[in-house]
Amino acid sequence: MLNFPFRQLGQYEDLELEGLYYNRFRYYDCTIGNYISQDPIGLMGKNPTFYGYVHDSNSWVDVFGLTIDAYGGYFSRKALRTEIHNAKRPTKGSSMHATKHIQATSMDDAMERSIKGAGGKPEASYFPDVANNNFNNFEKTAAFDAARNGNVIERGGGNKFLIYEHKAGDIGFNNGVRTRFMRIELTSYTIHSHPISEADARKYLKGCDK
């Protein structure tokens, strides 16, 4: 009789501990359908409880015993992940998107720009400490996180919106109001973004490709 040591995705049977499956960060007990230890990062892992596996194993996976991901989402979107990895920000002079939302020199300036902009038109603006602290890396990390959570809207013609929520706190102003949300636009390996309001983010998320 063949013995298959696999259980859920990412789980491998520990032959020395009967009934337990190793998930890198903790063990899963198939008889109770739960982990035997708490999630090391608590509920930040988005699991239903400290010991729970996932909300629905038909739709979600927890490969490392740490945080959940959507089936048909991040792991199957290799092309999208590659596109994000290879994407470049517009070069100065080639597009207004190169600097439009990252020019603020102070918090007051960022808020003012988000209300009046440079020519009387509101331009959402990142906080200076966000814009001036390896912004390219921040933007890419946000895009990968949005892809991981399935917060992707296909716009057609190769154009995509990715919606990101910065859980650590606000990142900029939109119409004079602080916000932790941003919309990332990915088109033909070009990436740029700007802060958006929570209300707008929720509207986008309703149409996301999960």
N, C-alpha and C. Protein backbone atom coordinates (compact mmCIF):
# COMPACT_ATOMS: atom_id res chain seq x y z
N MET A 1 0.84 -1.20 0.00
CA MET A 1 0.00 0.00 0.00
C MET A 1 0.88 1.25 0.00
N LEU A 2 0.58 2.16 -0.90
CA LEU A 2 1.37 3.38 -1.00
C LEU A 2 1.03 4.34 0.13
N ASN A 3 2.05 4.99 0.65
CA ASN A 3 1.85 5.96 1.71
C ASN A 3 2.23 7.34 1.17
N PHE A 4 1.24 8.22 1.09
CA PHE A 4 1.49 9.57 0.59
C PHE A 4 1.67 10.51 1.78
N PRO A 5 2.83 11.14 1.89
CA PRO A 5 3.13 11.97 3.06
C PRO A 5 2.57 13.38 2.99
N PHE A 6 1.77 13.69 1.96
CA PHE A 6 1.27 15.06 1.79
C PHE A 6 -0.15 15.21 2.31
N ARG A 7 -0.47 16.40 2.78
CA ARG A 7 -1.83 16.70 3.24
C ARG A 7 -2.33 17.93 2.47
N GLN A 8 -2.53 19.04 3.18
CA GLN A 8 -2.87 20.28 2.50
C GLN A 8 -1.63 20.83 1.79
N LEU A 9 -1.82 21.79 0.88
CA LEU A 9 -0.70 22.36 0.15
C LEU A 9 0.36 22.90 1.10
N GLY A 10 1.61 22.43 0.92
CA GLY A 10 2.70 22.89 1.76
C GLY A 10 2.94 22.03 2.99
N GLN A 11 2.08 21.04 3.23
CA GLN A 11 2.20 20.21 4.43
C GLN A 11 2.84 18.86 4.10
N TYR A 12 3.78 18.44 4.94
CA TYR A 12 4.49 17.17 4.76
C TYR A 12 4.46 16.41 6.08
N GLU A 13 4.10 15.15 6.01
CA GLU A 13 3.94 14.34 7.22
C GLU A 13 5.26 14.14 7.95
N ASP A 14 5.23 14.33 9.26
CA ASP A 14 6.39 14.04 10.10
C ASP A 14 6.25 12.60 10.58
N LEU A 15 7.08 11.72 10.06
CA LEU A 15 6.96 10.29 10.36
C LEU A 15 7.25 9.97 11.82
N GLU A 16 7.90 10.86 12.53
CA GLU A 16 8.21 10.63 13.94
C GLU A 16 7.08 11.11 14.85
N LEU A 17 6.17 11.89 14.30
CA LEU A 17 5.04 12.40 15.08
C LEU A 17 3.76 12.02 14.35
N GLU A 18 3.19 10.89 14.70
CA GLU A 18 2.05 10.33 13.98
C GLU A 18 0.87 11.30 13.92
N GLY A 19 0.36 11.50 12.71
CA GLY A 19 -0.83 12.34 12.52
C GLY A 19 -0.55 13.82 12.40
N LEU A 20 0.73 14.21 12.50
CA LEU A 20 1.08 15.63 12.41
C LEU A 20 1.79 15.93 11.09
N TYR A 21 1.46 17.09 10.54
CA TYR A 21 2.03 17.51 9.26
C TYR A 21 2.76 18.83 9.43
N TYR A 22 3.96 18.87 8.92
CA TYR A 22 4.84 20.03 9.10
C TYR A 22 4.53 21.12 8.08
N ASN A 23 4.40 22.36 8.58
CA ASN A 23 4.10 23.52 7.73
C ASN A 23 5.17 24.61 7.84
N ARG A 24 6.38 24.21 8.12
CA ARG A 24 7.51 25.11 8.33
C ARG A 24 7.42 25.88 9.64
N PHE A 25 6.35 26.64 9.86
CA PHE A 25 6.26 27.43 11.08
C PHE A 25 5.55 26.71 12.22
N ARG A 26 4.75 25.69 11.91
CA ARG A 26 4.06 24.94 12.96
C ARG A 26 3.47 23.66 12.39
N TYR A 27 2.91 22.83 13.29
CA TYR A 27 2.36 21.54 12.90
C TYR A 27 0.84 21.59 12.79
N TYR A 28 0.34 20.83 11.81
CA TYR A 28 -1.10 20.71 11.56
C TYR A 28 -1.55 19.31 11.93
N ASP A 29 -2.63 19.20 12.72
CA ASP A 29 -3.19 17.91 13.12
C ASP A 29 -4.41 17.63 12.25
N CYS A 30 -4.30 16.62 11.37
CA CYS A 30 -5.39 16.36 10.42
C CYS A 30 -6.63 15.78 11.10
N THR A 31 -6.47 15.22 12.30
CA THR A 31 -7.63 14.62 12.97
C THR A 31 -8.58 15.68 13.52
N ILE A 32 -8.05 16.85 13.84
CA ILE A 32 -8.90 17.93 14.37
C ILE A 32 -9.03 19.09 13.38
N GLY A 33 -8.23 19.05 12.31
CA GLY A 33 -8.31 20.09 11.29
C GLY A 33 -7.80 21.44 11.75
N ASN A 34 -6.88 21.43 12.72
CA ASN A 34 -6.31 22.66 13.25
C ASN A 34 -4.81 22.50 13.47
N TYR A 35 -4.14 23.62 13.67
CA TYR A 35 -2.74 23.59 14.09
C TYR A 35 -2.68 23.29 15.58
N ILE A 36 -1.54 22.79 16.04
CA ILE A 36 -1.41 22.46 17.46
C ILE A 36 -0.75 23.60 18.24
N SER A 37 -0.34 24.66 17.56
CA SER A 37 0.22 25.84 18.22
C SER A 37 -0.36 27.09 17.58
N GLN A 38 -0.27 28.19 18.29
CA GLN A 38 -0.83 29.45 17.80
C GLN A 38 -0.02 29.99 16.62
N ASP A 39 -0.69 30.76 15.78
CA ASP A 39 -0.02 31.43 14.67
C ASP A 39 1.02 32.39 15.26
N PRO A 40 2.30 32.28 14.85
CA PRO A 40 3.35 33.15 15.40
C PRO A 40 3.08 34.64 15.22
N ILE A 41 2.30 35.00 14.19
CA ILE A 41 2.01 36.42 13.97
C ILE A 41 0.57 36.76 14.33
N GLY A 42 -0.07 35.88 15.11
CA GLY A 42 -1.42 36.14 15.58
C GLY A 42 -2.43 36.22 14.44
N LEU A 43 -3.43 37.06 14.61
CA LEU A 43 -4.48 37.19 13.60
C LEU A 43 -4.04 38.01 12.39
N MET A 44 -2.80 38.51 12.41
CA MET A 44 -2.28 39.19 11.23
C MET A 44 -2.17 38.23 10.05
N GLY A 45 -2.10 36.92 10.36
CA GLY A 45 -2.03 35.91 9.31
C GLY A 45 -3.36 35.68 8.61
N LYS A 46 -4.42 36.33 9.12
CA LYS A 46 -5.76 36.29 8.51
C LYS A 46 -6.43 34.93 8.62
N ASN A 47 -5.89 34.04 9.45
CA ASN A 47 -6.57 32.78 9.69
C ASN A 47 -7.79 33.03 10.57
N PRO A 48 -8.77 32.11 10.56
CA PRO A 48 -10.01 32.35 11.31
C PRO A 48 -9.81 32.45 12.82
N THR A 49 -8.84 31.69 13.37
CA THR A 49 -8.51 31.74 14.79
C THR A 49 -7.00 31.56 14.92
N PHE A 50 -6.48 31.64 16.15
CA PHE A 50 -5.05 31.44 16.36
C PHE A 50 -4.59 30.05 15.91
N TYR A 51 -5.50 29.06 16.02
CA TYR A 51 -5.15 27.68 15.69
C TYR A 51 -5.79 27.21 14.37
N GLY A 52 -6.69 28.00 13.81
CA GLY A 52 -7.43 27.58 12.63
C GLY A 52 -6.57 27.49 11.38
N TYR A 53 -7.01 26.63 10.44
CA TYR A 53 -6.27 26.47 9.18
C TYR A 53 -6.62 27.62 8.23
N VAL A 54 -7.75 27.54 7.56
CA VAL A 54 -8.22 28.63 6.69
C VAL A 54 -9.73 28.69 6.81
N HIS A 55 -10.33 29.73 6.27
CA HIS A 55 -11.79 29.86 6.31
C HIS A 55 -12.46 28.75 5.49
N ASP A 56 -11.92 28.49 4.32
CA ASP A 56 -12.50 27.51 3.39
C ASP A 56 -11.36 26.90 2.58
N SER A 57 -11.06 25.62 2.82
CA SER A 57 -9.91 24.98 2.16
C SER A 57 -10.14 24.76 0.67
N ASN A 58 -11.36 25.00 0.19
CA ASN A 58 -11.62 24.93 -1.25
C ASN A 58 -11.18 26.20 -1.96
N SER A 59 -11.04 27.27 -1.18
CA SER A 59 -10.72 28.57 -1.79
C SER A 59 -9.42 29.18 -1.29
N TRP A 60 -8.93 28.68 -0.13
CA TRP A 60 -7.75 29.29 0.48
C TRP A 60 -6.72 28.24 0.86
N VAL A 61 -5.46 28.67 0.96
CA VAL A 61 -4.38 27.79 1.40
C VAL A 61 -3.53 28.54 2.42
N ASP A 62 -2.78 27.79 3.21
CA ASP A 62 -1.84 28.35 4.16
C ASP A 62 -0.57 27.52 4.05
N VAL A 63 0.28 27.87 3.11
CA VAL A 63 1.43 27.04 2.75
C VAL A 63 2.46 26.93 3.86
N PHE A 64 2.66 27.99 4.63
CA PHE A 64 3.71 28.00 5.63
C PHE A 64 3.21 27.92 7.07
N GLY A 65 1.89 27.84 7.26
CA GLY A 65 1.38 27.85 8.62
C GLY A 65 1.49 29.23 9.23
N LEU A 66 1.46 30.24 8.38
CA LEU A 66 1.70 31.61 8.85
C LEU A 66 0.60 32.56 8.40
N THR A 67 0.32 32.60 7.10
CA THR A 67 -0.69 33.52 6.57
C THR A 67 -1.38 32.89 5.37
N ILE A 68 -2.65 33.21 5.17
CA ILE A 68 -3.43 32.54 4.13
C ILE A 68 -3.32 33.26 2.79
N ASP A 69 -3.52 32.50 1.72
CA ASP A 69 -3.52 33.03 0.36
C ASP A 69 -4.67 32.40 -0.41
N ALA A 70 -5.11 33.08 -1.46
CA ALA A 70 -6.24 32.58 -2.24
C ALA A 70 -5.78 31.61 -3.32
N TYR A 71 -6.51 30.49 -3.44
CA TYR A 71 -6.32 29.61 -4.58
C TYR A 71 -6.66 30.42 -5.83
N GLY A 72 -5.98 30.14 -6.93
CA GLY A 72 -6.29 30.84 -8.16
C GLY A 72 -5.87 32.30 -8.11
N GLY A 73 -5.19 32.67 -7.02
CA GLY A 73 -4.77 34.05 -6.87
C GLY A 73 -3.28 34.18 -7.05
N TYR A 74 -2.59 34.54 -5.98
CA TYR A 74 -1.17 34.86 -6.05
C TYR A 74 -0.34 33.74 -6.65
N PHE A 75 -0.58 32.49 -6.23
CA PHE A 75 0.27 31.39 -6.68
C PHE A 75 0.08 31.06 -8.14
N SER A 76 -1.08 31.33 -8.70
CA SER A 76 -1.32 31.04 -10.11
C SER A 76 -1.05 32.24 -11.00
N ARG A 77 -0.73 33.39 -10.41
CA ARG A 77 -0.52 34.60 -11.19
C ARG A 77 0.96 34.84 -11.46
N LYS A 78 1.63 33.83 -11.98
CA LYS A 78 3.06 33.97 -12.24
C LYS A 78 3.33 35.10 -13.21
N ALA A 79 2.51 35.21 -14.26
CA ALA A 79 2.71 36.26 -15.26
C ALA A 79 2.59 37.64 -14.62
N LEU A 80 1.61 37.80 -13.71
CA LEU A 80 1.43 39.08 -13.04
C LEU A 80 2.61 39.39 -12.13
N ARG A 81 3.07 38.38 -11.38
CA ARG A 81 4.22 38.59 -10.49
C ARG A 81 5.46 38.97 -11.30
N THR A 82 5.63 38.33 -12.44
CA THR A 82 6.76 38.66 -13.31
C THR A 82 6.65 40.08 -13.84
N GLU A 83 5.42 40.47 -14.20
CA GLU A 83 5.19 41.82 -14.70
C GLU A 83 5.52 42.86 -13.64
N ILE A 84 5.09 42.60 -12.40
CA ILE A 84 5.40 43.52 -11.30
C ILE A 84 6.90 43.61 -11.09
N HIS A 85 7.55 42.45 -11.07
CA HIS A 85 9.01 42.39 -10.85
C HIS A 85 9.77 43.21 -11.89
N ASN A 86 9.34 43.11 -13.15
CA ASN A 86 10.05 43.77 -14.24
C ASN A 86 9.59 45.21 -14.50
N ALA A 87 8.51 45.61 -13.86
CA ALA A 87 7.94 46.94 -14.12
C ALA A 87 8.88 48.06 -13.67
N LYS A 88 8.87 49.14 -14.41
CA LYS A 88 9.67 50.32 -14.09
C LYS A 88 8.76 51.54 -13.95
N ARG A 89 9.16 52.45 -13.09
CA ARG A 89 8.44 53.72 -13.00
C ARG A 89 8.73 54.57 -14.23
N PRO A 90 7.79 55.44 -14.61
CA PRO A 90 8.04 56.33 -15.75
C PRO A 90 9.27 57.20 -15.47
N THR A 91 10.04 57.47 -16.49
CA THR A 91 11.21 58.33 -16.32
C THR A 91 10.78 59.80 -16.35
N LYS A 92 11.54 60.62 -15.66
CA LYS A 92 11.23 62.05 -15.62
C LYS A 92 11.24 62.62 -17.03
N GLY A 93 10.21 63.37 -17.35
CA GLY A 93 10.10 63.97 -18.67
C GLY A 93 9.28 63.15 -19.64
N SER A 94 9.13 61.84 -19.33
CA SER A 94 8.36 60.98 -20.24
C SER A 94 6.88 60.95 -19.89
N SER A 95 6.58 61.23 -18.62
CA SER A 95 5.19 61.18 -18.16
C SER A 95 5.04 61.98 -16.89
N MET A 96 3.89 62.61 -16.73
CA MET A 96 3.62 63.36 -15.50
C MET A 96 3.55 62.43 -14.30
N HIS A 97 3.30 61.14 -14.55
CA HIS A 97 3.19 60.18 -13.46
C HIS A 97 4.53 59.90 -12.79
N ALA A 98 5.63 60.31 -13.42
CA ALA A 98 6.95 60.05 -12.86
C ALA A 98 7.13 60.74 -11.52
N THR A 99 6.60 61.94 -11.38
CA THR A 99 6.83 62.71 -10.15
C THR A 99 5.56 63.31 -9.55
N LYS A 100 4.46 63.20 -10.26
CA LYS A 100 3.23 63.91 -9.90
C LYS A 100 2.82 63.75 -8.44
N HIS A 101 2.91 62.56 -7.90
CA HIS A 101 2.38 62.29 -6.55
C HIS A 101 3.46 62.15 -5.48
N ILE A 102 4.72 62.43 -5.84
CA ILE A 102 5.81 62.24 -4.87
C ILE A 102 6.68 63.50 -4.75
N GLN A 103 6.09 64.66 -4.97
CA GLN A 103 6.87 65.90 -4.98
C GLN A 103 6.78 66.70 -3.69
N ALA A 104 5.89 66.33 -2.80
CA ALA A 104 5.66 67.13 -1.59
C ALA A 104 6.94 67.27 -0.76
N THR A 105 7.18 68.47 -0.27
CA THR A 105 8.37 68.73 0.53
C THR A 105 8.08 68.74 2.03
N SER A 106 6.80 68.74 2.39
CA SER A 106 6.40 68.72 3.79
C SER A 106 5.00 68.14 3.88
N MET A 107 4.56 67.87 5.10
CA MET A 107 3.20 67.34 5.28
C MET A 107 2.16 68.36 4.84
N ASP A 108 2.40 69.62 5.17
CA ASP A 108 1.46 70.67 4.75
C ASP A 108 1.42 70.78 3.23
N ASP A 109 2.58 70.66 2.61
CA ASP A 109 2.65 70.73 1.15
C ASP A 109 1.91 69.55 0.53
N ALA A 110 2.06 68.37 1.13
CA ALA A 110 1.37 67.17 0.62
C ALA A 110 -0.14 67.35 0.70
N MET A 111 -0.61 67.87 1.83
CA MET A 111 -2.05 68.08 1.98
C MET A 111 -2.55 69.12 0.99
N GLU A 112 -1.79 70.21 0.83
CA GLU A 112 -2.18 71.29 -0.08
C GLU A 112 -2.24 70.79 -1.53
N ARG A 113 -1.26 70.00 -1.92
CA ARG A 113 -1.24 69.45 -3.28
C ARG A 113 -2.45 68.55 -3.53
N SER A 114 -2.84 67.80 -2.49
CA SER A 114 -3.97 66.88 -2.65
C SER A 114 -5.30 67.62 -2.79
N ILE A 115 -5.31 68.90 -2.41
CA ILE A 115 -6.53 69.70 -2.50
C ILE A 115 -6.53 70.57 -3.76
N LYS A 116 -5.40 71.24 -4.01
CA LYS A 116 -5.34 72.20 -5.12
C LYS A 116 -4.44 71.75 -6.27
N GLY A 117 -3.47 70.89 -5.98
CA GLY A 117 -2.54 70.47 -7.02
C GLY A 117 -1.66 71.62 -7.48
N ALA A 118 -0.96 71.38 -8.59
CA ALA A 118 -0.06 72.41 -9.11
C ALA A 118 -0.81 73.40 -9.99
N GLY A 119 -1.88 72.95 -10.65
CA GLY A 119 -2.62 73.83 -11.56
C GLY A 119 -4.07 73.97 -11.19
N GLY A 120 -4.39 73.84 -9.91
CA GLY A 120 -5.76 73.97 -9.47
C GLY A 120 -6.54 72.66 -9.45
N LYS A 121 -5.93 71.59 -9.95
CA LYS A 121 -6.58 70.29 -9.96
C LYS A 121 -5.98 69.42 -8.86
N PRO A 122 -6.82 68.85 -7.97
CA PRO A 122 -6.30 68.03 -6.87
C PRO A 122 -5.39 66.91 -7.37
N GLU A 123 -4.26 66.74 -6.68
CA GLU A 123 -3.33 65.67 -6.99
C GLU A 123 -2.98 64.93 -5.71
N ALA A 124 -3.53 63.73 -5.54
CA ALA A 124 -3.23 62.95 -4.34
C ALA A 124 -1.72 62.90 -4.15
N SER A 125 -1.29 63.02 -2.90
CA SER A 125 0.15 63.15 -2.65
C SER A 125 0.61 62.25 -1.51
N TYR A 126 1.74 61.59 -1.73
CA TYR A 126 2.34 60.77 -0.67
C TYR A 126 3.04 61.67 0.34
N PHE A 127 3.11 61.18 1.59
CA PHE A 127 3.88 61.88 2.60
C PHE A 127 5.35 61.94 2.14
N PRO A 128 6.07 63.01 2.47
CA PRO A 128 7.48 63.10 2.06
C PRO A 128 8.33 61.93 2.55
N ASP A 129 8.07 61.44 3.78
CA ASP A 129 8.90 60.34 4.29
C ASP A 129 8.62 59.03 3.55
N VAL A 130 7.45 58.91 2.94
CA VAL A 130 7.15 57.74 2.10
C VAL A 130 7.80 57.91 0.73
N ALA A 131 7.63 59.08 0.15
CA ALA A 131 8.15 59.34 -1.20
C ALA A 131 9.67 59.33 -1.26
N ASN A 132 10.31 59.69 -0.16
CA ASN A 132 11.77 59.83 -0.16
C ASN A 132 12.50 58.66 0.48
N ASN A 133 11.79 57.59 0.79
CA ASN A 133 12.42 56.44 1.44
C ASN A 133 12.30 55.20 0.55
N ASN A 134 13.14 55.15 -0.47
CA ASN A 134 13.15 54.02 -1.41
C ASN A 134 11.75 53.75 -1.94
N PHE A 135 11.15 54.77 -2.52
CA PHE A 135 9.76 54.68 -2.95
C PHE A 135 9.53 53.57 -3.98
N ASN A 136 10.47 53.36 -4.88
CA ASN A 136 10.31 52.30 -5.88
C ASN A 136 10.08 50.95 -5.23
N ASN A 137 10.85 50.67 -4.18
CA ASN A 137 10.71 49.40 -3.46
C ASN A 137 9.37 49.34 -2.74
N PHE A 138 8.97 50.46 -2.13
CA PHE A 138 7.68 50.52 -1.43
C PHE A 138 6.54 50.23 -2.39
N GLU A 139 6.59 50.84 -3.56
CA GLU A 139 5.53 50.68 -4.56
C GLU A 139 5.45 49.23 -5.05
N LYS A 140 6.61 48.62 -5.30
CA LYS A 140 6.64 47.23 -5.76
C LYS A 140 6.13 46.29 -4.67
N THR A 141 6.56 46.52 -3.42
CA THR A 141 6.11 45.69 -2.31
C THR A 141 4.60 45.76 -2.16
N ALA A 142 4.05 46.97 -2.30
CA ALA A 142 2.60 47.16 -2.23
C ALA A 142 1.90 46.40 -3.35
N ALA A 143 2.48 46.42 -4.55
CA ALA A 143 1.89 45.72 -5.69
C ALA A 143 1.88 44.22 -5.47
N PHE A 144 2.98 43.68 -4.95
CA PHE A 144 3.04 42.24 -4.67
C PHE A 144 2.01 41.85 -3.61
N ASP A 145 1.85 42.71 -2.59
CA ASP A 145 0.88 42.42 -1.54
C ASP A 145 -0.53 42.43 -2.10
N ALA A 146 -0.83 43.40 -2.95
CA ALA A 146 -2.16 43.46 -3.58
C ALA A 146 -2.42 42.22 -4.41
N ALA A 147 -1.40 41.77 -5.15
CA ALA A 147 -1.54 40.55 -5.95
C ALA A 147 -1.75 39.33 -5.07
N ARG A 148 -1.01 39.28 -3.95
CA ARG A 148 -1.13 38.15 -3.02
C ARG A 148 -2.56 38.03 -2.47
N ASN A 149 -3.19 39.17 -2.23
CA ASN A 149 -4.53 39.17 -1.66
C ASN A 149 -5.64 39.19 -2.71
N GLY A 150 -5.25 39.13 -3.97
CA GLY A 150 -6.25 39.09 -5.04
C GLY A 150 -6.90 40.42 -5.32
N ASN A 151 -6.27 41.52 -4.86
CA ASN A 151 -6.87 42.84 -5.05
C ASN A 151 -6.45 43.43 -6.40
N VAL A 152 -6.87 42.74 -7.46
CA VAL A 152 -6.46 43.08 -8.82
C VAL A 152 -7.68 43.32 -9.69
N ILE A 153 -7.70 44.43 -10.40
CA ILE A 153 -8.79 44.73 -11.32
C ILE A 153 -8.23 44.78 -12.74
N GLU A 154 -8.68 43.88 -13.59
CA GLU A 154 -8.26 43.88 -14.99
C GLU A 154 -9.04 44.96 -15.74
N ARG A 155 -8.32 45.87 -16.37
CA ARG A 155 -8.95 47.00 -17.05
C ARG A 155 -9.02 46.81 -18.57
N GLY A 156 -8.40 45.76 -19.07
CA GLY A 156 -8.38 45.53 -20.51
C GLY A 156 -7.16 46.17 -21.15
N GLY A 157 -6.73 45.61 -22.27
CA GLY A 157 -5.58 46.17 -22.97
C GLY A 157 -4.29 46.06 -22.19
N GLY A 158 -4.22 45.09 -21.27
CA GLY A 158 -3.01 44.92 -20.47
C GLY A 158 -2.90 45.85 -19.29
N ASN A 159 -3.93 46.67 -19.07
CA ASN A 159 -3.94 47.62 -17.96
C ASN A 159 -4.59 47.02 -16.73
N LYS A 160 -3.93 47.19 -15.58
CA LYS A 160 -4.45 46.64 -14.32
C LYS A 160 -4.37 47.68 -13.21
N PHE A 161 -5.35 47.64 -12.31
CA PHE A 161 -5.30 48.39 -11.07
C PHE A 161 -5.08 47.39 -9.94
N LEU A 162 -4.18 47.71 -9.02
CA LEU A 162 -3.97 46.90 -7.82
C LEU A 162 -4.24 47.80 -6.62
N ILE A 163 -5.07 47.33 -5.70
CA ILE A 163 -5.47 48.14 -4.55
C ILE A 163 -4.75 47.63 -3.31
N TYR A 164 -4.08 48.54 -2.61
CA TYR A 164 -3.26 48.16 -1.46
C TYR A 164 -3.65 48.97 -0.23
N GLU A 165 -3.69 48.29 0.90
CA GLU A 165 -3.92 48.94 2.19
C GLU A 165 -2.67 48.79 3.04
N HIS A 166 -2.08 49.92 3.44
CA HIS A 166 -0.86 49.91 4.25
C HIS A 166 -1.26 49.77 5.72
N LYS A 167 -1.22 48.56 6.23
CA LYS A 167 -1.73 48.28 7.57
C LYS A 167 -0.97 49.03 8.67
N ALA A 168 0.27 49.43 8.37
CA ALA A 168 1.08 50.10 9.39
C ALA A 168 0.66 51.55 9.62
N GLY A 169 -0.17 52.09 8.72
CA GLY A 169 -0.63 53.47 8.92
C GLY A 169 -0.78 54.24 7.62
N ASP A 170 -1.11 55.52 7.74
CA ASP A 170 -1.36 56.36 6.57
C ASP A 170 -0.09 56.59 5.76
N ILE A 171 -0.27 56.78 4.46
CA ILE A 171 0.87 56.96 3.56
C ILE A 171 0.77 58.25 2.73
N GLY A 172 -0.38 58.91 2.79
CA GLY A 172 -0.51 60.13 2.00
C GLY A 172 -1.85 60.82 2.19
N PHE A 173 -2.10 61.81 1.33
CA PHE A 173 -3.35 62.57 1.37
C PHE A 173 -4.12 62.38 0.08
N ASN A 174 -5.44 62.32 0.20
CA ASN A 174 -6.33 62.33 -0.95
C ASN A 174 -7.43 63.34 -0.65
N ASN A 175 -7.50 64.40 -1.45
CA ASN A 175 -8.47 65.48 -1.21
C ASN A 175 -8.40 66.03 0.20
N GLY A 176 -7.17 66.19 0.69
CA GLY A 176 -6.95 66.79 1.99
C GLY A 176 -7.13 65.86 3.17
N VAL A 177 -7.47 64.60 2.93
CA VAL A 177 -7.71 63.64 4.00
C VAL A 177 -6.61 62.57 4.00
N ARG A 178 -6.08 62.29 5.18
CA ARG A 178 -5.05 61.25 5.30
C ARG A 178 -5.63 59.89 4.93
N THR A 179 -4.81 59.05 4.32
CA THR A 179 -5.29 57.73 3.92
C THR A 179 -4.17 56.70 3.95
N ARG A 180 -4.55 55.45 4.16
CA ARG A 180 -3.57 54.34 4.14
C ARG A 180 -3.73 53.49 2.88
N PHE A 181 -4.59 53.91 1.97
CA PHE A 181 -4.87 53.13 0.76
C PHE A 181 -4.18 53.75 -0.46
N MET A 182 -3.85 52.90 -1.41
CA MET A 182 -3.25 53.39 -2.65
C MET A 182 -3.71 52.54 -3.83
N ARG A 183 -3.77 53.18 -4.99
CA ARG A 183 -4.09 52.47 -6.23
C ARG A 183 -2.84 52.44 -7.09
N ILE A 184 -2.43 51.23 -7.45
CA ILE A 184 -1.25 51.04 -8.28
C ILE A 184 -1.71 50.69 -9.69
N GLU A 185 -1.17 51.38 -10.67
CA GLU A 185 -1.53 51.10 -12.06
C GLU A 185 -0.34 50.42 -12.75
N LEU A 186 -0.64 49.32 -13.41
CA LEU A 186 0.38 48.53 -14.10
C LEU A 186 -0.02 48.41 -15.57
N THR A 187 0.80 48.96 -16.44
CA THR A 187 0.50 48.93 -17.88
C THR A 187 1.79 48.72 -18.67
N SER A 188 1.84 47.62 -19.42
CA SER A 188 3.00 47.35 -20.29
C SER A 188 4.32 47.52 -19.54
N TYR A 189 4.40 46.91 -18.37
CA TYR A 189 5.62 46.93 -17.55
C TYR A 189 5.99 48.32 -17.06
N THR A 190 5.01 49.22 -17.01
CA THR A 190 5.19 50.53 -16.38
C THR A 190 4.31 50.56 -15.14
N ILE A 191 4.87 51.03 -14.02
CA ILE A 191 4.14 51.04 -12.76
C ILE A 191 4.16 52.44 -12.16
N HIS A 192 3.01 52.89 -11.68
CA HIS A 192 2.93 54.14 -10.93
C HIS A 192 1.69 54.06 -10.04
N SER A 193 1.60 54.95 -9.08
CA SER A 193 0.51 54.84 -8.09
C SER A 193 0.20 56.19 -7.46
N HIS A 194 -0.88 56.21 -6.68
CA HIS A 194 -1.19 57.39 -5.89
C HIS A 194 -2.13 57.00 -4.75
N PRO A 195 -2.14 57.77 -3.67
CA PRO A 195 -3.05 57.49 -2.55
C PRO A 195 -4.50 57.67 -2.97
N ILE A 196 -5.38 56.82 -2.45
CA ILE A 196 -6.82 56.97 -2.70
C ILE A 196 -7.56 56.90 -1.37
N SER A 197 -8.77 57.39 -1.36
CA SER A 197 -9.58 57.37 -0.14
C SER A 197 -10.03 55.95 0.18
N GLU A 198 -10.38 55.72 1.43
CA GLU A 198 -10.89 54.40 1.82
C GLU A 198 -12.17 54.07 1.07
N ALA A 199 -13.03 55.08 0.89
CA ALA A 199 -14.29 54.85 0.17
C ALA A 199 -14.03 54.39 -1.26
N ASP A 200 -13.08 55.04 -1.93
CA ASP A 200 -12.75 54.63 -3.30
C ASP A 200 -12.14 53.24 -3.32
N ALA A 201 -11.29 52.96 -2.33
CA ALA A 201 -10.66 51.63 -2.26
C ALA A 201 -11.72 50.55 -2.13
N ARG A 202 -12.72 50.78 -1.28
CA ARG A 202 -13.79 49.79 -1.08
C ARG A 202 -14.57 49.56 -2.37
N LYS A 203 -14.79 50.63 -3.12
CA LYS A 203 -15.50 50.49 -4.39
C LYS A 203 -14.70 49.63 -5.36
N TYR A 204 -13.40 49.89 -5.43
CA TYR A 204 -12.56 49.08 -6.31
C TYR A 204 -12.54 47.62 -5.88
N LEU A 205 -12.44 47.39 -4.57
CA LEU A 205 -12.31 46.03 -4.06
C LEU A 205 -13.53 45.17 -4.38
N LYS A 206 -14.68 45.80 -4.54
CA LYS A 206 -15.89 45.04 -4.89
C LYS A 206 -15.76 44.39 -6.26
N GLY A 207 -14.94 44.98 -7.12
CA GLY A 207 -14.80 44.43 -8.47
C GLY A 207 -13.49 43.70 -8.69
N CYS A 208 -12.80 43.38 -7.58
CA CYS A 208 -11.50 42.74 -7.71
C CYS A 208 -11.60 41.31 -8.21
N ASP A 209 -10.56 40.89 -8.93
CA ASP A 209 -10.45 39.52 -9.43
C ASP A 209 -9.80 38.67 -8.37
N LYS A 210 -10.61 38.05 -7.51
CA LYS A 210 -10.08 37.23 -6.42
C LYS A 210 -9.65 35.85 -6.92
